[in-house]
Amino acid sequence: MPSSLLLPLLPLLPLLLSLSPTLAIPSQPLITNTTTLPTNYAMLVYQSFTALDVFGPLDILNGLSMYYSNTTSMHISVISSTLEPVTTVPLPNARMNMTHGDFGEKMLPTHTFAEVLAANGSVATGEIEVLIVPGGGGARDDRFEEIEFVKAMYPKLKYILSVCTGATILARAGILDGHRATTNKRAWTWATSTGPKVDWVPTARWVQDGNLWTSSGVSAGMDLTYAWIGHVYGEAAADYIAMSSEYRRWYNASEDPFAEIWGAK
């Protein structure tokens, strides 16, 4: 650029330099919710869960706990039928014959369903307030223990969040009856058949109905989690966590191109 064009900008240089850090680095906002915030979170896991359904929301909550450790206290429990490691590896079943060999990850539960129910929905740090239920190939199994656990726990919870076909566990537990909900669009026909009394919303990235939060497939669980954090902790906090993760949020719950792609109606 010719120096003659730069000369008029020289008087503004100190101002531009002083503004640069302010414009480039967002300041961390305060949590705007002044009511009591949740403390005890739980992730329900079962064989053949989808990794992103679990680790996407958990990593966002990790960020919330890390950035706001001086403001709120958070504890996470991982609950399953046993304390044995739980794998993401898809196992063949009667409804979906899919397997990827032995490629996958394992997660170690901290509590069993029986232990939590025997303690009236509590763990060492107190009553579980937020329960997250992921989807995956394993959701197509009968899942009697998971369904009974959700049914027993729901009246004690402040919030329950499902990701992908995790909504079918909520539906089979009966807690979605008469409520709006959504689920995985590729698996729409099967998933919605598990809840004939549910008001299924086909074109939705996520749906909130009271303290019931359900998301569309897999990656939508992250958008659900950010939306839920925005609802409970404040949108500014949710935005800050998303920016810190270099994630572009999905703000419009009704914007769902995958419903058309997979023919969900």
C-alpha atoms as a PDB file:
ATOM      1  CA  MET A   1       0.000   0.000   0.000  1.00  0.00           C
ATOM      2  CA  PRO A   2       1.410   3.430  -0.897  1.00  0.00           C
ATOM      3  CA  SER A   3       2.663   5.396   2.104  1.00  0.00           C
ATOM      4  CA  SER A   4       0.479   8.328   1.073  1.00  0.00           C
ATOM      5  CA  LEU A   5      -2.596   6.251   1.888  1.00  0.00           C
ATOM      6  CA  LEU A   6      -1.267   5.297   5.334  1.00  0.00           C
ATOM      7  CA  LEU A   7      -0.464   8.831   6.465  1.00  0.00           C
ATOM      8  CA  PRO A   8      -4.088   9.794   7.315  1.00  0.00           C
ATOM      9  CA  LEU A   9      -4.286   6.749   9.581  1.00  0.00           C
ATOM     10  CA  LEU A  10      -1.223   7.594  11.680  1.00  0.00           C
ATOM     11  CA  PRO A  11      -3.084   9.819  14.180  1.00  0.00           C
ATOM     12  CA  LEU A  12      -5.480   6.914  14.814  1.00  0.00           C
ATOM     13  CA  LEU A  13      -2.736   4.355  15.407  1.00  0.00           C
ATOM     14  CA  PRO A  14      -2.585   4.700  19.239  1.00  0.00           C
ATOM     15  CA  LEU A  15      -6.355   4.322  19.457  1.00  0.00           C
ATOM     16  CA  LEU A  16      -6.380   1.298  17.161  1.00  0.00           C
ATOM     17  CA  LEU A  17      -3.598  -0.334  19.159  1.00  0.00           C
ATOM     18  CA  SER A  18      -5.419   0.255  22.427  1.00  0.00           C
ATOM     19  CA  LEU A  19      -8.648  -1.202  21.064  1.00  0.00           C
ATOM     20  CA  SER A  20      -7.118  -4.307  19.520  1.00  0.00           C
ATOM     21  CA  PRO A  21      -6.882  -6.471  22.668  1.00  0.00           C
ATOM     22  CA  THR A  22     -10.382  -5.439  23.714  1.00  0.00           C
ATOM     23  CA  LEU A  23     -11.859  -6.405  20.375  1.00  0.00           C
ATOM     24  CA  ALA A  24      -9.887  -9.628  20.021  1.00  0.00           C
ATOM     25  CA  ILE A  25     -10.337 -11.226  23.447  1.00  0.00           C
ATOM     26  CA  PRO A  26     -13.847 -11.579  24.900  1.00  0.00           C
ATOM     27  CA  SER A  27     -14.135 -11.008  28.619  1.00  0.00           C
ATOM     28  CA  GLN A  28     -15.714 -13.788  30.654  1.00  0.00           C
ATOM     29  CA  PRO A  29     -19.322 -12.885  31.484  1.00  0.00           C
ATOM     30  CA  LEU A  30     -20.957 -13.523  34.810  1.00  0.00           C
ATOM     31  CA  ILE A  31     -23.611 -16.175  35.280  1.00  0.00           C
ATOM     32  CA  THR A  32     -26.873 -14.248  35.135  1.00  0.00           C
ATOM     33  CA  ASN A  33     -29.125 -16.800  36.821  1.00  0.00           C
ATOM     34  CA  THR A  34     -29.524 -15.927  40.490  1.00  0.00           C
ATOM     35  CA  THR A  35     -31.542 -19.014  41.454  1.00  0.00           C
ATOM     36  CA  THR A  36     -29.969 -22.178  42.860  1.00  0.00           C
ATOM     37  CA  LEU A  37     -27.867 -23.851  40.179  1.00  0.00           C
ATOM     38  CA  PRO A  38     -27.585 -27.627  39.699  1.00  0.00           C
ATOM     39  CA  THR A  39     -24.711 -29.344  41.470  1.00  0.00           C
ATOM     40  CA  ASN A  40     -25.046 -33.068  40.774  1.00  0.00           C
ATOM     41  CA  TYR A  41     -25.076 -34.319  37.192  1.00  0.00           C
ATOM     42  CA  ALA A  42     -25.300 -37.912  35.970  1.00  0.00           C
ATOM     43  CA  MET A  43     -24.683 -39.572  32.617  1.00  0.00           C
ATOM     44  CA  LEU A  44     -26.518 -42.835  31.984  1.00  0.00           C
ATOM     45  CA  VAL A  45     -24.517 -45.264  29.825  1.00  0.00           C
ATOM     46  CA  TYR A  46     -25.180 -48.701  28.348  1.00  0.00           C
ATOM     47  CA  GLN A  47     -23.488 -51.035  25.900  1.00  0.00           C
ATOM     48  CA  SER A  48     -23.182 -49.611  22.362  1.00  0.00           C
ATOM     49  CA  PHE A  49     -23.811 -45.963  23.244  1.00  0.00           C
ATOM     50  CA  THR A  50     -22.736 -43.364  20.675  1.00  0.00           C
ATOM     51  CA  ALA A  51     -19.520 -41.639  21.733  1.00  0.00           C
ATOM     52  CA  LEU A  52     -20.468 -38.082  20.740  1.00  0.00           C
ATOM     53  CA  ASP A  53     -23.847 -38.396  22.473  1.00  0.00           C
ATOM     54  CA  VAL A  54     -21.905 -38.753  25.719  1.00  0.00           C
ATOM     55  CA  PHE A  55     -18.621 -36.929  25.260  1.00  0.00           C
ATOM     56  CA  GLY A  56     -20.021 -33.927  23.358  1.00  0.00           C
ATOM     57  CA  PRO A  57     -22.302 -32.780  26.213  1.00  0.00           C
ATOM     58  CA  LEU A  58     -19.768 -33.843  28.849  1.00  0.00           C
ATOM     59  CA  ASP A  59     -16.992 -31.748  27.338  1.00  0.00           C
ATOM     60  CA  ILE A  60     -19.269 -28.702  27.263  1.00  0.00           C
ATOM     61  CA  LEU A  61     -20.117 -29.290  30.918  1.00  0.00           C
ATOM     62  CA  ASN A  62     -16.387 -29.725  31.607  1.00  0.00           C
ATOM     63  CA  GLY A  63     -15.913 -26.242  30.188  1.00  0.00           C
ATOM     64  CA  LEU A  64     -18.747 -24.843  32.288  1.00  0.00           C
ATOM     65  CA  SER A  65     -17.217 -26.342  35.423  1.00  0.00           C
ATOM     66  CA  MET A  66     -13.708 -25.144  34.558  1.00  0.00           C
ATOM     67  CA  TYR A  67     -14.501 -21.564  33.570  1.00  0.00           C
ATOM     68  CA  TYR A  68     -17.022 -21.012  36.353  1.00  0.00           C
ATOM     69  CA  SER A  69     -15.412 -22.993  39.171  1.00  0.00           C
ATOM     70  CA  ASN A  70     -15.489 -19.897  41.398  1.00  0.00           C
ATOM     71  CA  THR A  71     -19.210 -19.465  40.818  1.00  0.00           C
ATOM     72  CA  THR A  72     -20.703 -22.926  40.831  1.00  0.00           C
ATOM     73  CA  SER A  73     -19.846 -26.398  42.131  1.00  0.00           C
ATOM     74  CA  MET A  74     -20.445 -29.357  39.798  1.00  0.00           C
ATOM     75  CA  HIS A  75     -20.102 -33.127  40.207  1.00  0.00           C
ATOM     76  CA  ILE A  76     -20.583 -35.835  37.573  1.00  0.00           C
ATOM     77  CA  SER A  77     -21.564 -39.480  38.056  1.00  0.00           C
ATOM     78  CA  VAL A  78     -21.579 -42.154  35.355  1.00  0.00           C
ATOM     79  CA  ILE A  79     -24.363 -44.661  35.957  1.00  0.00           C
ATOM     80  CA  SER A  80     -24.916 -48.063  34.378  1.00  0.00           C
ATOM     81  CA  SER A  81     -26.311 -51.500  35.147  1.00  0.00           C
ATOM     82  CA  THR A  82     -22.935 -52.695  36.487  1.00  0.00           C
ATOM     83  CA  LEU A  83     -19.538 -51.195  37.253  1.00  0.00           C
ATOM     84  CA  GLU A  84     -17.966 -53.026  34.308  1.00  0.00           C
ATOM     85  CA  PRO A  85     -16.543 -50.889  31.460  1.00  0.00           C
ATOM     86  CA  VAL A  86     -19.206 -49.885  28.922  1.00  0.00           C
ATOM     87  CA  THR A  87     -18.236 -49.856  25.240  1.00  0.00           C
ATOM     88  CA  THR A  88     -19.294 -47.774  22.259  1.00  0.00           C
ATOM     89  CA  VAL A  89     -18.731 -50.741  19.919  1.00  0.00           C
ATOM     90  CA  PRO A  90     -22.010 -51.456  18.071  1.00  0.00           C
ATOM     91  CA  LEU A  91     -23.192 -54.976  18.828  1.00  0.00           C
ATOM     92  CA  PRO A  92     -25.609 -56.781  16.493  1.00  0.00           C
ATOM     93  CA  ASN A  93     -29.177 -56.967  17.731  1.00  0.00           C
ATOM     94  CA  ALA A  94     -32.547 -57.953  16.347  1.00  0.00           C
ATOM     95  CA  ARG A  95     -33.425 -54.411  15.277  1.00  0.00           C
ATOM     96  CA  MET A  96     -30.112 -53.235  13.832  1.00  0.00           C
ATOM     97  CA  ASN A  97     -27.474 -55.623  12.551  1.00  0.00           C
ATOM     98  CA  MET A  98     -24.508 -53.268  12.639  1.00  0.00           C
ATOM     99  CA  THR A  99     -21.013 -53.899  13.909  1.00  0.00           C
ATOM    100  CA  HIS A 100     -17.698 -52.129  13.473  1.00  0.00           C
ATOM    101  CA  GLY A 101     -15.508 -54.941  14.700  1.00  0.00           C
ATOM    102  CA  ASP A 102     -13.821 -54.012  17.955  1.00  0.00           C
ATOM    103  CA  PHE A 103     -13.124 -50.339  17.167  1.00  0.00           C
ATOM    104  CA  GLY A 104     -14.498 -48.159  19.939  1.00  0.00           C
ATOM    105  CA  GLU A 105     -14.003 -46.697  23.379  1.00  0.00           C
ATOM    106  CA  LYS A 106     -14.898 -47.811  26.871  1.00  0.00           C
ATOM    107  CA  MET A 107     -16.222 -45.819  29.778  1.00  0.00           C
ATOM    108  CA  LEU A 108     -16.024 -46.791  33.431  1.00  0.00           C
ATOM    109  CA  PRO A 109     -19.224 -46.258  35.454  1.00  0.00           C
ATOM    110  CA  THR A 110     -19.017 -44.794  38.941  1.00  0.00           C
ATOM    111  CA  HIS A 111     -22.375 -46.092  40.203  1.00  0.00           C
ATOM    112  CA  THR A 112     -24.955 -48.728  39.359  1.00  0.00           C
ATOM    113  CA  PHE A 113     -28.666 -48.123  38.897  1.00  0.00           C
ATOM    114  CA  ALA A 114     -29.352 -50.225  41.982  1.00  0.00           C
ATOM    115  CA  GLU A 115     -26.948 -48.221  44.140  1.00  0.00           C
ATOM    116  CA  VAL A 116     -28.462 -44.890  43.155  1.00  0.00           C
ATOM    117  CA  LEU A 117     -32.047 -46.064  43.589  1.00  0.00           C
ATOM    118  CA  ALA A 118     -31.209 -47.622  46.969  1.00  0.00           C
ATOM    119  CA  ALA A 119     -29.938 -44.184  48.023  1.00  0.00           C
ATOM    120  CA  ASN A 120     -33.201 -42.550  46.867  1.00  0.00           C
ATOM    121  CA  GLY A 121     -31.592 -40.956  43.815  1.00  0.00           C
ATOM    122  CA  SER A 122     -28.502 -39.720  45.596  1.00  0.00           C
ATOM    123  CA  VAL A 123     -24.740 -40.127  45.322  1.00  0.00           C
ATOM    124  CA  ALA A 124     -22.055 -39.091  47.816  1.00  0.00           C
ATOM    125  CA  THR A 125     -22.326 -35.412  46.814  1.00  0.00           C
ATOM    126  CA  GLY A 126     -26.115 -35.269  47.081  1.00  0.00           C
ATOM    127  CA  GLU A 127     -29.261 -35.857  45.055  1.00  0.00           C
ATOM    128  CA  ILE A 128     -28.844 -36.166  41.290  1.00  0.00           C
ATOM    129  CA  GLU A 129     -30.454 -33.112  39.723  1.00  0.00           C
ATOM    130  CA  VAL A 130     -29.611 -33.417  36.016  1.00  0.00           C
ATOM    131  CA  LEU A 131     -29.679 -36.744  34.153  1.00  0.00           C
ATOM    132  CA  ILE A 132     -28.402 -37.112  30.584  1.00  0.00           C
ATOM    133  CA  VAL A 133     -29.466 -40.100  28.486  1.00  0.00           C
ATOM    134  CA  PRO A 134     -27.518 -40.760  25.257  1.00  0.00           C
ATOM    135  CA  GLY A 135     -28.515 -42.751  22.214  1.00  0.00           C
ATOM    136  CA  GLY A 136     -26.719 -45.346  20.155  1.00  0.00           C
ATOM    137  CA  GLY A 137     -27.186 -48.772  18.651  1.00  0.00           C
ATOM    138  CA  GLY A 138     -27.727 -50.193  22.113  1.00  0.00           C
ATOM    139  CA  ALA A 139     -30.862 -48.093  22.543  1.00  0.00           C
ATOM    140  CA  ARG A 140     -32.609 -50.517  20.197  1.00  0.00           C
ATOM    141  CA  ASP A 141     -32.324 -53.297  22.746  1.00  0.00           C
ATOM    142  CA  ASP A 142     -35.047 -53.756  25.354  1.00  0.00           C
ATOM    143  CA  ARG A 143     -33.172 -51.697  27.974  1.00  0.00           C
ATOM    144  CA  PHE A 144     -35.502 -52.691  30.813  1.00  0.00           C
ATOM    145  CA  GLU A 145     -33.108 -51.565  33.559  1.00  0.00           C
ATOM    146  CA  GLU A 146     -32.467 -48.184  31.954  1.00  0.00           C
ATOM    147  CA  ILE A 147     -36.179 -47.601  31.395  1.00  0.00           C
ATOM    148  CA  GLU A 148     -37.070 -48.458  34.992  1.00  0.00           C
ATOM    149  CA  PHE A 149     -34.241 -46.277  36.273  1.00  0.00           C
ATOM    150  CA  VAL A 150     -35.435 -43.266  34.255  1.00  0.00           C
ATOM    151  CA  LYS A 151     -39.022 -43.860  35.360  1.00  0.00           C
ATOM    152  CA  ALA A 152     -37.989 -43.975  39.017  1.00  0.00           C
ATOM    153  CA  MET A 153     -35.583 -41.046  38.836  1.00  0.00           C
ATOM    154  CA  TYR A 154     -37.592 -38.552  36.808  1.00  0.00           C
ATOM    155  CA  PRO A 155     -39.801 -37.268  39.669  1.00  0.00           C
ATOM    156  CA  LYS A 156     -36.656 -36.474  41.673  1.00  0.00           C
ATOM    157  CA  LEU A 157     -34.826 -34.589  38.893  1.00  0.00           C
ATOM    158  CA  LYS A 158     -34.678 -30.903  38.080  1.00  0.00           C
ATOM    159  CA  TYR A 159     -33.912 -31.671  34.428  1.00  0.00           C
ATOM    160  CA  ILE A 160     -33.563 -34.660  32.139  1.00  0.00           C
ATOM    161  CA  LEU A 161     -31.782 -34.358  28.781  1.00  0.00           C
ATOM    162  CA  SER A 162     -31.753 -36.984  26.044  1.00  0.00           C
ATOM    163  CA  VAL A 163     -29.541 -37.109  22.983  1.00  0.00           C
ATOM    164  CA  CYS A 164     -30.457 -38.850  19.739  1.00  0.00           C
ATOM    165  CA  THR A 165     -32.277 -42.169  20.294  1.00  0.00           C
ATOM    166  CA  GLY A 166     -31.842 -41.720  24.030  1.00  0.00           C
ATOM    167  CA  ALA A 167     -35.326 -40.206  23.718  1.00  0.00           C
ATOM    168  CA  THR A 168     -36.687 -43.717  23.135  1.00  0.00           C
ATOM    169  CA  ILE A 169     -35.662 -44.691  26.667  1.00  0.00           C
ATOM    170  CA  LEU A 170     -37.536 -41.666  28.004  1.00  0.00           C
ATOM    171  CA  ALA A 171     -40.510 -42.519  25.778  1.00  0.00           C
ATOM    172  CA  ARG A 172     -40.614 -46.149  26.921  1.00  0.00           C
ATOM    173  CA  ALA A 173     -40.427 -44.940  30.519  1.00  0.00           C
ATOM    174  CA  GLY A 174     -43.617 -42.964  29.843  1.00  0.00           C
ATOM    175  CA  ILE A 175     -42.220 -39.603  30.917  1.00  0.00           C
ATOM    176  CA  LEU A 176     -42.621 -38.080  27.430  1.00  0.00           C
ATOM    177  CA  ASP A 177     -46.316 -38.960  27.159  1.00  0.00           C
ATOM    178  CA  GLY A 178     -48.305 -35.837  26.305  1.00  0.00           C
ATOM    179  CA  HIS A 179     -45.113 -33.823  25.795  1.00  0.00           C
ATOM    180  CA  ARG A 180     -43.286 -32.488  22.754  1.00  0.00           C
ATOM    181  CA  ALA A 181     -40.007 -34.193  21.928  1.00  0.00           C
ATOM    182  CA  THR A 182     -37.640 -35.008  19.102  1.00  0.00           C
ATOM    183  CA  THR A 183     -35.078 -37.675  18.290  1.00  0.00           C
ATOM    184  CA  ASN A 184     -32.691 -38.941  15.612  1.00  0.00           C
ATOM    185  CA  LYS A 185     -34.009 -38.204  12.100  1.00  0.00           C
ATOM    186  CA  ARG A 186     -32.334 -41.128  10.345  1.00  0.00           C
ATOM    187  CA  ALA A 187     -33.947 -43.482  12.876  1.00  0.00           C
ATOM    188  CA  TRP A 188     -37.206 -41.489  12.990  1.00  0.00           C
ATOM    189  CA  THR A 189     -39.671 -44.245  12.070  1.00  0.00           C
ATOM    190  CA  TRP A 190     -38.398 -46.736  14.621  1.00  0.00           C
ATOM    191  CA  ALA A 191     -37.629 -44.162  17.335  1.00  0.00           C
ATOM    192  CA  THR A 192     -41.039 -42.507  17.271  1.00  0.00           C
ATOM    193  CA  SER A 193     -42.775 -45.900  17.346  1.00  0.00           C
ATOM    194  CA  THR A 194     -41.508 -46.314  20.935  1.00  0.00           C
ATOM    195  CA  GLY A 195     -43.703 -43.457  22.134  1.00  0.00           C
ATOM    196  CA  PRO A 196     -47.173 -43.443  20.532  1.00  0.00           C
ATOM    197  CA  LYS A 197     -48.427 -40.926  23.109  1.00  0.00           C
ATOM    198  CA  VAL A 198     -45.552 -38.493  22.527  1.00  0.00           C
ATOM    199  CA  ASP A 199     -45.998 -35.344  20.456  1.00  0.00           C
ATOM    200  CA  TRP A 200     -42.978 -35.954  18.232  1.00  0.00           C
ATOM    201  CA  VAL A 201     -41.594 -32.872  16.460  1.00  0.00           C
ATOM    202  CA  PRO A 202     -39.877 -33.893  13.196  1.00  0.00           C
ATOM    203  CA  THR A 203     -38.304 -30.573  12.260  1.00  0.00           C
ATOM    204  CA  ALA A 204     -36.347 -29.674  15.370  1.00  0.00           C
ATOM    205  CA  ARG A 205     -32.694 -29.624  16.332  1.00  0.00           C
ATOM    206  CA  TRP A 206     -33.860 -29.894  19.938  1.00  0.00           C
ATOM    207  CA  VAL A 207     -37.105 -29.509  21.869  1.00  0.00           C
ATOM    208  CA  GLN A 208     -37.736 -28.208  25.360  1.00  0.00           C
ATOM    209  CA  ASP A 209     -40.978 -29.066  27.128  1.00  0.00           C
ATOM    210  CA  GLY A 210     -40.748 -28.026  30.762  1.00  0.00           C
ATOM    211  CA  ASN A 211     -37.809 -29.826  32.325  1.00  0.00           C
ATOM    212  CA  LEU A 212     -37.683 -32.343  29.471  1.00  0.00           C
ATOM    213  CA  TRP A 213     -35.005 -31.579  26.878  1.00  0.00           C
ATOM    214  CA  THR A 214     -34.600 -33.852  23.843  1.00  0.00           C
ATOM    215  CA  SER A 215     -32.272 -33.492  20.869  1.00  0.00           C
ATOM    216  CA  SER A 216     -32.064 -34.745  17.323  1.00  0.00           C
ATOM    217  CA  GLY A 217     -29.251 -37.069  16.268  1.00  0.00           C
ATOM    218  CA  VAL A 218     -25.731 -37.318  17.672  1.00  0.00           C
ATOM    219  CA  SER A 219     -24.126 -33.862  17.159  1.00  0.00           C
ATOM    220  CA  ALA A 220     -27.411 -32.166  18.068  1.00  0.00           C
ATOM    221  CA  GLY A 221     -26.726 -33.145  21.661  1.00  0.00           C
ATOM    222  CA  MET A 222     -24.058 -30.447  21.770  1.00  0.00           C
ATOM    223  CA  ASP A 223     -26.493 -27.788  20.567  1.00  0.00           C
ATOM    224  CA  LEU A 224     -29.025 -29.023  23.107  1.00  0.00           C
ATOM    225  CA  THR A 225     -26.424 -28.718  25.869  1.00  0.00           C
ATOM    226  CA  TYR A 226     -25.468 -25.168  24.915  1.00  0.00           C
ATOM    227  CA  ALA A 227     -29.159 -24.206  24.730  1.00  0.00           C
ATOM    228  CA  TRP A 228     -29.765 -25.767  28.140  1.00  0.00           C
ATOM    229  CA  ILE A 229     -26.777 -23.937  29.658  1.00  0.00           C
ATOM    230  CA  GLY A 230     -28.121 -20.723  28.139  1.00  0.00           C
ATOM    231  CA  HIS A 231     -31.485 -21.407  29.768  1.00  0.00           C
ATOM    232  CA  VAL A 232     -30.089 -22.305  33.199  1.00  0.00           C
ATOM    233  CA  TYR A 233     -26.841 -20.316  33.497  1.00  0.00           C
ATOM    234  CA  GLY A 234     -27.433 -17.519  30.970  1.00  0.00           C
ATOM    235  CA  GLU A 235     -26.859 -17.110  27.241  1.00  0.00           C
ATOM    236  CA  ALA A 236     -23.699 -15.069  27.783  1.00  0.00           C
ATOM    237  CA  ALA A 237     -22.100 -17.947  29.685  1.00  0.00           C
ATOM    238  CA  ALA A 238     -23.162 -20.453  27.008  1.00  0.00           C
ATOM    239  CA  ASP A 239     -21.712 -18.243  24.276  1.00  0.00           C
ATOM    240  CA  TYR A 240     -18.444 -17.838  26.156  1.00  0.00           C
ATOM    241  CA  ILE A 241     -18.014 -21.595  26.592  1.00  0.00           C
ATOM    242  CA  ALA A 242     -18.803 -22.144  22.903  1.00  0.00           C
ATOM    243  CA  MET A 243     -16.263 -19.505  21.825  1.00  0.00           C
ATOM    244  CA  SER A 244     -13.665 -21.032  24.123  1.00  0.00           C
ATOM    245  CA  SER A 245     -14.230 -24.369  22.371  1.00  0.00           C
ATOM    246  CA  GLU A 246     -14.190 -22.653  18.958  1.00  0.00           C
ATOM    247  CA  TYR A 247     -17.688 -23.981  18.356  1.00  0.00           C
ATOM    248  CA  ARG A 248     -20.353 -22.167  16.348  1.00  0.00           C
ATOM    249  CA  ARG A 249     -23.639 -22.588  18.173  1.00  0.00           C
ATOM    250  CA  TRP A 250     -26.953 -23.549  16.620  1.00  0.00           C
ATOM    251  CA  TYR A 251     -29.423 -21.019  18.048  1.00  0.00           C
ATOM    252  CA  ASN A 252     -32.646 -21.840  16.208  1.00  0.00           C
ATOM    253  CA  ALA A 253     -34.155 -25.034  17.574  1.00  0.00           C
ATOM    254  CA  SER A 254     -36.552 -25.215  14.602  1.00  0.00           C
ATOM    255  CA  GLU A 255     -33.768 -25.119  12.016  1.00  0.00           C
ATOM    256  CA  ASP A 256     -33.294 -28.766  11.103  1.00  0.00           C
ATOM    257  CA  PRO A 257     -32.180 -29.656   7.551  1.00  0.00           C
ATOM    258  CA  PHE A 258     -31.738 -33.294   8.534  1.00  0.00           C
ATOM    259  CA  ALA A 259     -35.482 -33.852   8.884  1.00  0.00           C
ATOM    260  CA  GLU A 260     -35.863 -33.319   5.132  1.00  0.00           C
ATOM    261  CA  ILE A 261     -32.688 -35.233   4.281  1.00  0.00           C
ATOM    262  CA  TRP A 262     -33.886 -38.335   6.153  1.00  0.00           C
ATOM    263  CA  GLY A 263     -37.578 -37.888   5.375  1.00  0.00           C
ATOM    264  CA  ALA A 264     -38.721 -37.467   8.980  1.00  0.00           C
ATOM    265  CA  LYS A 265     -42.403 -36.580   9.088  1.00  0.00           C
END
